[in-house]
Amino acid sequence: MTRMTRWSRLAPLVALLLVLLGVLPARAIEPTCPAGEITLSADSLTATRNGAGADRVAAPSSRFVLPVGVSIDPASEAMSFVVEGDHRLLYQTDISPGGLVAHVTHHGDTVFLLGASRVRGGTHVVLRHTGAVYRLSARFDRLDVPGLATPPRFAKVLVKIGDDCFSAVLACTARRLNNLRCSPERSAVLRGHVAGAGQALPGTMLTAFDDTRLESVSVFAQQDGRFVFPRMMSKTYASEIVLPLRS
């Protein structure tokens, strides 16, 4: 008798919970990347908070190169575009297989365009394949992204095509009220030429020291004396040059 009385008291609460669960919008399931993530070179990510149904997220210029042995078919595979802010999901859109339509240009490039129905819905995705390089331009309008109310310090852009994932991590700043811009934290390029007595000095080792972060990066000059460091943070570095041994 006691058990039935407790159930009779709990039944309305259970029913209310089921009703609430039935009306809550379903959240997209973030894609998994069991094979790891390939580098995505994203020049920038912008996000604008204009209110429910009027937010915008855009990544106008990104690119990636497939490693040897990896292949994708954007025209027949599903695609996901995900933005995380400080490890929290901010936005995700999923494109079903066949959602991108392939077009071959007169230059021989293949351009994958989103179907007209998604474009009318405020989604713009263009993926261009030229040689070994894929270039992606994406813009998403008419969104509701409440997570933008608290600007993140870092954003992660993840693109998944089929079973392959491509990602980039960007540093973010709030430019104006409700306007966020994210760009690569390491964007400075240091390059030059090593020569002595009018001749190139190939094999010269050049090291840049970041004393505040206790980091150092070393590169070697090529046959023509030229050197290029990987992208670095914009700041002042201490340097060291070690000339190659001569027999």
C-alpha atoms as a PDB file:
ATOM      1  CA  MET A   1       0.000   0.000   0.000  1.00  0.00           C
ATOM      2  CA  THR A   2       2.853   2.331   0.895  1.00  0.00           C
ATOM      3  CA  ARG A   3       4.586   1.702  -2.432  1.00  0.00           C
ATOM      4  CA  MET A   4       1.465   2.545  -4.418  1.00  0.00           C
ATOM      5  CA  THR A   5       1.037   5.754  -2.414  1.00  0.00           C
ATOM      6  CA  ARG A   6       4.592   6.870  -3.184  1.00  0.00           C
ATOM      7  CA  TRP A   7       4.146   6.078  -6.878  1.00  0.00           C
ATOM      8  CA  SER A   8       0.904   8.015  -6.980  1.00  0.00           C
ATOM      9  CA  ARG A   9       2.769  11.034  -5.607  1.00  0.00           C
ATOM     10  CA  LEU A  10       5.686  10.641  -8.010  1.00  0.00           C
ATOM     11  CA  ALA A  11       3.611   9.928 -11.123  1.00  0.00           C
ATOM     12  CA  PRO A  12       2.679  13.585 -11.850  1.00  0.00           C
ATOM     13  CA  LEU A  13       6.332  14.627 -11.482  1.00  0.00           C
ATOM     14  CA  VAL A  14       7.505  11.861 -13.822  1.00  0.00           C
ATOM     15  CA  ALA A  15       4.836  12.792 -16.344  1.00  0.00           C
ATOM     16  CA  LEU A  16       5.859  16.468 -16.177  1.00  0.00           C
ATOM     17  CA  LEU A  17       9.518  15.522 -16.673  1.00  0.00           C
ATOM     18  CA  LEU A  18       8.653  13.441 -19.736  1.00  0.00           C
ATOM     19  CA  VAL A  19       6.674  16.325 -21.193  1.00  0.00           C
ATOM     20  CA  LEU A  20       9.571  18.733 -20.640  1.00  0.00           C
ATOM     21  CA  LEU A  21      12.022  16.316 -22.238  1.00  0.00           C
ATOM     22  CA  GLY A  22       9.701  15.975 -25.192  1.00  0.00           C
ATOM     23  CA  VAL A  23       9.677  19.703 -25.923  1.00  0.00           C
ATOM     24  CA  LEU A  24      13.364  20.453 -25.355  1.00  0.00           C
ATOM     25  CA  PRO A  25      15.295  20.883 -28.623  1.00  0.00           C
ATOM     26  CA  ALA A  26      17.677  18.032 -29.433  1.00  0.00           C
ATOM     27  CA  ARG A  27      21.369  18.938 -29.210  1.00  0.00           C
ATOM     28  CA  ALA A  28      23.669  17.943 -31.988  1.00  0.00           C
ATOM     29  CA  ILE A  29      26.135  15.233 -31.094  1.00  0.00           C
ATOM     30  CA  GLU A  30      29.680  16.548 -31.407  1.00  0.00           C
ATOM     31  CA  PRO A  31      31.712  14.523 -33.888  1.00  0.00           C
ATOM     32  CA  THR A  32      34.415  12.199 -32.635  1.00  0.00           C
ATOM     33  CA  CYS A  33      37.842  11.894 -34.195  1.00  0.00           C
ATOM     34  CA  PRO A  34      39.244   8.461 -33.308  1.00  0.00           C
ATOM     35  CA  ALA A  35      41.980   8.778 -35.952  1.00  0.00           C
ATOM     36  CA  GLY A  36      43.146  12.135 -34.599  1.00  0.00           C
ATOM     37  CA  GLU A  37      42.945  15.629 -36.081  1.00  0.00           C
ATOM     38  CA  ILE A  38      44.794  16.962 -39.118  1.00  0.00           C
ATOM     39  CA  THR A  39      46.027  20.563 -39.068  1.00  0.00           C
ATOM     40  CA  LEU A  40      43.567  23.160 -40.361  1.00  0.00           C
ATOM     41  CA  SER A  41      45.137  26.527 -41.179  1.00  0.00           C
ATOM     42  CA  ALA A  42      42.400  29.035 -40.343  1.00  0.00           C
ATOM     43  CA  ASP A  43      43.199  32.699 -40.979  1.00  0.00           C
ATOM     44  CA  SER A  44      40.359  33.966 -38.791  1.00  0.00           C
ATOM     45  CA  LEU A  45      37.034  33.258 -37.112  1.00  0.00           C
ATOM     46  CA  THR A  46      34.480  35.980 -36.474  1.00  0.00           C
ATOM     47  CA  ALA A  47      31.289  35.861 -34.465  1.00  0.00           C
ATOM     48  CA  THR A  48      28.653  38.528 -33.961  1.00  0.00           C
ATOM     49  CA  ARG A  49      25.971  38.448 -31.270  1.00  0.00           C
ATOM     50  CA  ASN A  50      22.901  40.324 -32.553  1.00  0.00           C
ATOM     51  CA  GLY A  51      20.216  38.443 -30.637  1.00  0.00           C
ATOM     52  CA  ALA A  52      18.247  35.241 -31.126  1.00  0.00           C
ATOM     53  CA  GLY A  53      17.938  34.387 -34.803  1.00  0.00           C
ATOM     54  CA  ALA A  54      20.374  37.098 -35.893  1.00  0.00           C
ATOM     55  CA  ASP A  55      23.799  35.874 -34.745  1.00  0.00           C
ATOM     56  CA  ARG A  56      26.549  35.142 -37.255  1.00  0.00           C
ATOM     57  CA  VAL A  57      29.621  32.885 -37.298  1.00  0.00           C
ATOM     58  CA  ALA A  58      32.137  32.993 -40.144  1.00  0.00           C
ATOM     59  CA  ALA A  59      35.470  31.411 -41.069  1.00  0.00           C
ATOM     60  CA  PRO A  60      36.158  33.026 -44.443  1.00  0.00           C
ATOM     61  CA  SER A  61      39.520  31.435 -45.217  1.00  0.00           C
ATOM     62  CA  SER A  62      40.812  28.049 -44.052  1.00  0.00           C
ATOM     63  CA  ARG A  63      42.860  25.395 -45.790  1.00  0.00           C
ATOM     64  CA  PHE A  64      44.219  21.918 -45.235  1.00  0.00           C
ATOM     65  CA  VAL A  65      46.382  19.342 -47.020  1.00  0.00           C
ATOM     66  CA  LEU A  66      45.643  15.625 -46.895  1.00  0.00           C
ATOM     67  CA  PRO A  67      48.459  13.440 -45.553  1.00  0.00           C
ATOM     68  CA  VAL A  68      49.676  10.581 -47.707  1.00  0.00           C
ATOM     69  CA  GLY A  69      47.174   7.714 -47.625  1.00  0.00           C
ATOM     70  CA  VAL A  70      44.205   9.894 -46.620  1.00  0.00           C
ATOM     71  CA  SER A  71      41.402  10.675 -49.065  1.00  0.00           C
ATOM     72  CA  ILE A  72      38.028  12.399 -48.792  1.00  0.00           C
ATOM     73  CA  ASP A  73      34.972  12.716 -51.030  1.00  0.00           C
ATOM     74  CA  PRO A  74      33.027  15.814 -49.909  1.00  0.00           C
ATOM     75  CA  ALA A  75      30.286  15.180 -52.485  1.00  0.00           C
ATOM     76  CA  SER A  76      29.278  11.855 -50.963  1.00  0.00           C
ATOM     77  CA  GLU A  77      30.390  12.101 -47.319  1.00  0.00           C
ATOM     78  CA  ALA A  78      28.792  13.886 -44.372  1.00  0.00           C
ATOM     79  CA  MET A  79      30.399  17.112 -43.171  1.00  0.00           C
ATOM     80  CA  SER A  80      30.324  18.809 -39.766  1.00  0.00           C
ATOM     81  CA  PHE A  81      31.480  22.321 -38.885  1.00  0.00           C
ATOM     82  CA  VAL A  82      32.011  22.855 -35.160  1.00  0.00           C
ATOM     83  CA  VAL A  83      33.124  25.866 -33.109  1.00  0.00           C
ATOM     84  CA  GLU A  84      34.156  25.482 -29.477  1.00  0.00           C
ATOM     85  CA  GLY A  85      34.971  28.334 -27.110  1.00  0.00           C
ATOM     86  CA  ASP A  86      37.171  27.513 -24.110  1.00  0.00           C
ATOM     87  CA  HIS A  87      36.201  23.822 -24.478  1.00  0.00           C
ATOM     88  CA  ARG A  88      32.467  24.608 -24.651  1.00  0.00           C
ATOM     89  CA  LEU A  89      30.357  23.948 -27.728  1.00  0.00           C
ATOM     90  CA  LEU A  90      29.321  27.264 -29.278  1.00  0.00           C
ATOM     91  CA  TYR A  91      27.973  26.227 -32.656  1.00  0.00           C
ATOM     92  CA  GLN A  92      27.661  23.142 -34.822  1.00  0.00           C
ATOM     93  CA  THR A  93      26.088  22.427 -38.170  1.00  0.00           C
ATOM     94  CA  ASP A  94      25.907  19.062 -39.915  1.00  0.00           C
ATOM     95  CA  ILE A  95      25.613  18.579 -43.673  1.00  0.00           C
ATOM     96  CA  SER A  96      24.223  15.256 -44.846  1.00  0.00           C
ATOM     97  CA  PRO A  97      25.980  13.133 -47.478  1.00  0.00           C
ATOM     98  CA  GLY A  98      25.271  14.651 -50.875  1.00  0.00           C
ATOM     99  CA  GLY A  99      24.681  18.092 -49.363  1.00  0.00           C
ATOM    100  CA  LEU A 100      27.756  19.459 -51.140  1.00  0.00           C
ATOM    101  CA  VAL A 101      27.575  19.436 -54.934  1.00  0.00           C
ATOM    102  CA  ALA A 102      30.793  19.166 -56.967  1.00  0.00           C
ATOM    103  CA  HIS A 103      31.511  21.541 -59.876  1.00  0.00           C
ATOM    104  CA  VAL A 104      34.643  21.475 -62.051  1.00  0.00           C
ATOM    105  CA  THR A 105      35.947  24.897 -63.110  1.00  0.00           C
ATOM    106  CA  HIS A 106      37.622  25.700 -66.414  1.00  0.00           C
ATOM    107  CA  HIS A 107      40.940  25.805 -64.496  1.00  0.00           C
ATOM    108  CA  GLY A 108      40.478  22.174 -63.509  1.00  0.00           C
ATOM    109  CA  ASP A 109      39.714  22.891 -59.848  1.00  0.00           C
ATOM    110  CA  THR A 110      36.832  21.117 -58.132  1.00  0.00           C
ATOM    111  CA  VAL A 111      34.492  23.347 -56.128  1.00  0.00           C
ATOM    112  CA  PHE A 112      31.977  21.858 -53.697  1.00  0.00           C
ATOM    113  CA  LEU A 113      28.971  24.094 -53.115  1.00  0.00           C
ATOM    114  CA  LEU A 114      26.105  23.799 -50.669  1.00  0.00           C
ATOM    115  CA  GLY A 115      22.642  23.063 -52.015  1.00  0.00           C
ATOM    116  CA  ALA A 116      20.310  25.990 -52.674  1.00  0.00           C
ATOM    117  CA  SER A 117      17.948  25.147 -49.798  1.00  0.00           C
ATOM    118  CA  ARG A 118      20.696  25.461 -47.181  1.00  0.00           C
ATOM    119  CA  VAL A 119      21.945  28.690 -48.743  1.00  0.00           C
ATOM    120  CA  ARG A 120      18.480  30.189 -48.452  1.00  0.00           C
ATOM    121  CA  GLY A 121      18.555  29.179 -44.787  1.00  0.00           C
ATOM    122  CA  GLY A 122      21.592  31.351 -44.155  1.00  0.00           C
ATOM    123  CA  THR A 123      24.357  28.746 -44.542  1.00  0.00           C
ATOM    124  CA  HIS A 124      27.161  29.394 -47.022  1.00  0.00           C
ATOM    125  CA  VAL A 125      29.894  26.786 -47.521  1.00  0.00           C
ATOM    126  CA  VAL A 126      32.414  26.652 -50.379  1.00  0.00           C
ATOM    127  CA  LEU A 127      35.170  24.022 -50.473  1.00  0.00           C
ATOM    128  CA  ARG A 128      37.701  24.349 -53.307  1.00  0.00           C
ATOM    129  CA  HIS A 129      40.127  21.558 -54.215  1.00  0.00           C
ATOM    130  CA  THR A 130      43.244  22.675 -56.080  1.00  0.00           C
ATOM    131  CA  GLY A 131      46.077  20.194 -56.411  1.00  0.00           C
ATOM    132  CA  ALA A 132      46.874  18.921 -52.925  1.00  0.00           C
ATOM    133  CA  VAL A 133      45.207  21.823 -51.127  1.00  0.00           C
ATOM    134  CA  TYR A 134      41.595  22.200 -49.967  1.00  0.00           C
ATOM    135  CA  ARG A 135      40.365  25.730 -49.229  1.00  0.00           C
ATOM    136  CA  LEU A 136      37.214  26.294 -47.166  1.00  0.00           C
ATOM    137  CA  SER A 137      35.063  29.382 -46.816  1.00  0.00           C
ATOM    138  CA  ALA A 138      32.097  29.196 -44.435  1.00  0.00           C
ATOM    139  CA  ARG A 139      29.507  31.652 -43.108  1.00  0.00           C
ATOM    140  CA  PHE A 140      26.453  30.920 -41.006  1.00  0.00           C
ATOM    141  CA  ASP A 141      23.718  33.544 -40.525  1.00  0.00           C
ATOM    142  CA  ARG A 142      20.405  33.707 -38.646  1.00  0.00           C
ATOM    143  CA  LEU A 143      21.773  31.836 -35.639  1.00  0.00           C
ATOM    144  CA  ASP A 144      21.140  31.816 -31.920  1.00  0.00           C
ATOM    145  CA  VAL A 145      24.479  31.389 -30.129  1.00  0.00           C
ATOM    146  CA  PRO A 146      23.947  32.303 -26.465  1.00  0.00           C
ATOM    147  CA  GLY A 147      27.490  31.181 -25.592  1.00  0.00           C
ATOM    148  CA  LEU A 148      28.806  34.320 -27.301  1.00  0.00           C
ATOM    149  CA  ALA A 149      27.490  36.377 -24.376  1.00  0.00           C
ATOM    150  CA  THR A 150      30.735  35.425 -22.599  1.00  0.00           C
ATOM    151  CA  PRO A 151      33.598  35.934 -25.067  1.00  0.00           C
ATOM    152  CA  PRO A 152      36.029  32.967 -25.018  1.00  0.00           C
ATOM    153  CA  ARG A 153      39.782  33.393 -24.801  1.00  0.00           C
ATOM    154  CA  PHE A 154      40.387  30.599 -27.280  1.00  0.00           C
ATOM    155  CA  ALA A 155      38.262  29.048 -30.021  1.00  0.00           C
ATOM    156  CA  LYS A 156      38.636  25.727 -31.765  1.00  0.00           C
ATOM    157  CA  VAL A 157      37.380  25.211 -35.308  1.00  0.00           C
ATOM    158  CA  LEU A 158      36.762  21.572 -36.188  1.00  0.00           C
ATOM    159  CA  VAL A 159      35.780  20.360 -39.652  1.00  0.00           C
ATOM    160  CA  LYS A 160      34.931  16.706 -40.147  1.00  0.00           C
ATOM    161  CA  ILE A 161      34.448  15.198 -43.599  1.00  0.00           C
ATOM    162  CA  GLY A 162      33.599  11.524 -43.583  1.00  0.00           C
ATOM    163  CA  ASP A 163      35.823   9.989 -40.912  1.00  0.00           C
ATOM    164  CA  ASP A 164      38.590  12.599 -41.172  1.00  0.00           C
ATOM    165  CA  CYS A 165      38.887  15.617 -38.865  1.00  0.00           C
ATOM    166  CA  PHE A 166      40.704  18.924 -39.396  1.00  0.00           C
ATOM    167  CA  SER A 167      41.129  21.462 -36.605  1.00  0.00           C
ATOM    168  CA  ALA A 168      42.671  24.804 -35.643  1.00  0.00           C
ATOM    169  CA  VAL A 169      42.931  26.647 -32.320  1.00  0.00           C
ATOM    170  CA  LEU A 170      42.701  30.445 -32.408  1.00  0.00           C
ATOM    171  CA  ALA A 171      43.178  33.215 -29.843  1.00  0.00           C
ATOM    172  CA  CYS A 172      40.135  35.491 -29.457  1.00  0.00           C
ATOM    173  CA  THR A 173      39.554  39.132 -28.591  1.00  0.00           C
ATOM    174  CA  ALA A 174      36.307  41.082 -28.202  1.00  0.00           C
ATOM    175  CA  ARG A 175      36.742  43.892 -30.728  1.00  0.00           C
ATOM    176  CA  ARG A 176      33.496  45.723 -29.979  1.00  0.00           C
ATOM    177  CA  LEU A 177      30.355  44.995 -28.033  1.00  0.00           C
ATOM    178  CA  ASN A 178      29.019  41.592 -29.170  1.00  0.00           C
ATOM    179  CA  ASN A 179      31.747  41.296 -31.820  1.00  0.00           C
ATOM    180  CA  LEU A 180      34.377  38.561 -31.490  1.00  0.00           C
ATOM    181  CA  ARG A 181      37.429  38.002 -33.668  1.00  0.00           C
ATOM    182  CA  CYS A 182      39.790  35.047 -33.380  1.00  0.00           C
ATOM    183  CA  SER A 183      43.085  34.612 -35.190  1.00  0.00           C
ATOM    184  CA  PRO A 184      46.140  32.347 -34.968  1.00  0.00           C
ATOM    185  CA  GLU A 185      48.124  33.044 -31.817  1.00  0.00           C
ATOM    186  CA  ARG A 186      51.317  32.325 -33.717  1.00  0.00           C
ATOM    187  CA  SER A 187      51.107  34.495 -36.833  1.00  0.00           C
ATOM    188  CA  ALA A 188      54.524  36.169 -37.109  1.00  0.00           C
ATOM    189  CA  VAL A 189      56.862  34.922 -39.848  1.00  0.00           C
ATOM    190  CA  LEU A 190      60.636  35.263 -39.377  1.00  0.00           C
ATOM    191  CA  ARG A 191      62.764  34.614 -42.451  1.00  0.00           C
ATOM    192  CA  GLY A 192      66.037  35.795 -43.877  1.00  0.00           C
ATOM    193  CA  HIS A 193      69.340  34.997 -45.563  1.00  0.00           C
ATOM    194  CA  VAL A 194      72.727  34.098 -44.037  1.00  0.00           C
ATOM    195  CA  ALA A 195      75.836  35.107 -45.948  1.00  0.00           C
ATOM    196  CA  GLY A 196      79.478  35.947 -45.305  1.00  0.00           C
ATOM    197  CA  ALA A 197      82.035  37.537 -47.613  1.00  0.00           C
ATOM    198  CA  GLY A 198      79.371  37.648 -50.298  1.00  0.00           C
ATOM    199  CA  GLN A 199      78.647  33.906 -50.163  1.00  0.00           C
ATOM    200  CA  ALA A 200      75.739  31.953 -48.722  1.00  0.00           C
ATOM    201  CA  LEU A 201      76.385  29.983 -45.523  1.00  0.00           C
ATOM    202  CA  PRO A 202      74.265  26.840 -45.774  1.00  0.00           C
ATOM    203  CA  GLY A 203      73.977  24.717 -42.648  1.00  0.00           C
ATOM    204  CA  THR A 204      74.079  27.709 -40.300  1.00  0.00           C
ATOM    205  CA  MET A 205      71.906  27.048 -37.238  1.00  0.00           C
ATOM    206  CA  LEU A 206      69.715  29.924 -36.084  1.00  0.00           C
ATOM    207  CA  THR A 207      67.877  29.795 -32.745  1.00  0.00           C
ATOM    208  CA  ALA A 208      65.207  32.146 -31.411  1.00  0.00           C
ATOM    209  CA  PHE A 209      64.750  32.201 -27.611  1.00  0.00           C
ATOM    210  CA  ASP A 210      61.507  33.135 -25.843  1.00  0.00           C
ATOM    211  CA  ASP A 211      62.738  33.703 -22.293  1.00  0.00           C
ATOM    212  CA  THR A 212      59.302  34.429 -20.824  1.00  0.00           C
ATOM    213  CA  ARG A 213      57.901  31.081 -21.982  1.00  0.00           C
ATOM    214  CA  LEU A 214      61.184  29.152 -21.652  1.00  0.00           C
ATOM    215  CA  GLU A 215      60.935  28.080 -25.294  1.00  0.00           C
ATOM    216  CA  SER A 216      63.389  28.002 -28.176  1.00  0.00           C
ATOM    217  CA  VAL A 217      63.098  27.200 -31.878  1.00  0.00           C
ATOM    218  CA  SER A 218      66.026  26.306 -34.147  1.00  0.00           C
ATOM    219  CA  VAL A 219      66.249  26.142 -37.943  1.00  0.00           C
ATOM    220  CA  PHE A 220      69.065  25.626 -40.444  1.00  0.00           C
ATOM    221  CA  ALA A 221      69.907  27.721 -43.480  1.00  0.00           C
ATOM    222  CA  GLN A 222      69.397  25.988 -46.814  1.00  0.00           C
ATOM    223  CA  GLN A 223      71.855  25.697 -49.700  1.00  0.00           C
ATOM    224  CA  ASP A 224      71.170  29.265 -50.813  1.00  0.00           C
ATOM    225  CA  GLY A 225      71.523  30.573 -47.255  1.00  0.00           C
ATOM    226  CA  ARG A 226      67.822  31.212 -46.799  1.00  0.00           C
ATOM    227  CA  PHE A 227      65.988  30.259 -43.628  1.00  0.00           C
ATOM    228  CA  VAL A 228      62.367  30.375 -42.447  1.00  0.00           C
ATOM    229  CA  PHE A 229      61.120  29.868 -38.900  1.00  0.00           C
ATOM    230  CA  PRO A 230      57.709  28.306 -38.269  1.00  0.00           C
ATOM    231  CA  ARG A 231      54.981  30.790 -37.370  1.00  0.00           C
ATOM    232  CA  MET A 232      55.690  32.409 -34.015  1.00  0.00           C
ATOM    233  CA  MET A 233      54.058  34.819 -31.580  1.00  0.00           C
ATOM    234  CA  SER A 234      54.582  38.512 -32.327  1.00  0.00           C
ATOM    235  CA  LYS A 235      57.152  39.584 -29.706  1.00  0.00           C
ATOM    236  CA  THR A 236      60.870  40.199 -29.163  1.00  0.00           C
ATOM    237  CA  TYR A 237      63.191  37.177 -29.219  1.00  0.00           C
ATOM    238  CA  ALA A 238      66.815  36.676 -28.255  1.00  0.00           C
ATOM    239  CA  SER A 239      68.785  34.967 -31.015  1.00  0.00           C
ATOM    240  CA  GLU A 240      71.874  32.845 -31.531  1.00  0.00           C
ATOM    241  CA  ILE A 241      73.679  31.946 -34.759  1.00  0.00           C
ATOM    242  CA  VAL A 242      76.049  28.980 -34.976  1.00  0.00           C
ATOM    243  CA  LEU A 243      78.132  28.782 -38.155  1.00  0.00           C
ATOM    244  CA  PRO A 244      78.753  25.366 -39.697  1.00  0.00           C
ATOM    245  CA  LEU A 245      82.112  23.731 -39.217  1.00  0.00           C
ATOM    246  CA  ARG A 246      84.418  23.996 -42.224  1.00  0.00           C
ATOM    247  CA  SER A 247      86.914  21.263 -43.047  1.00  0.00           C
END
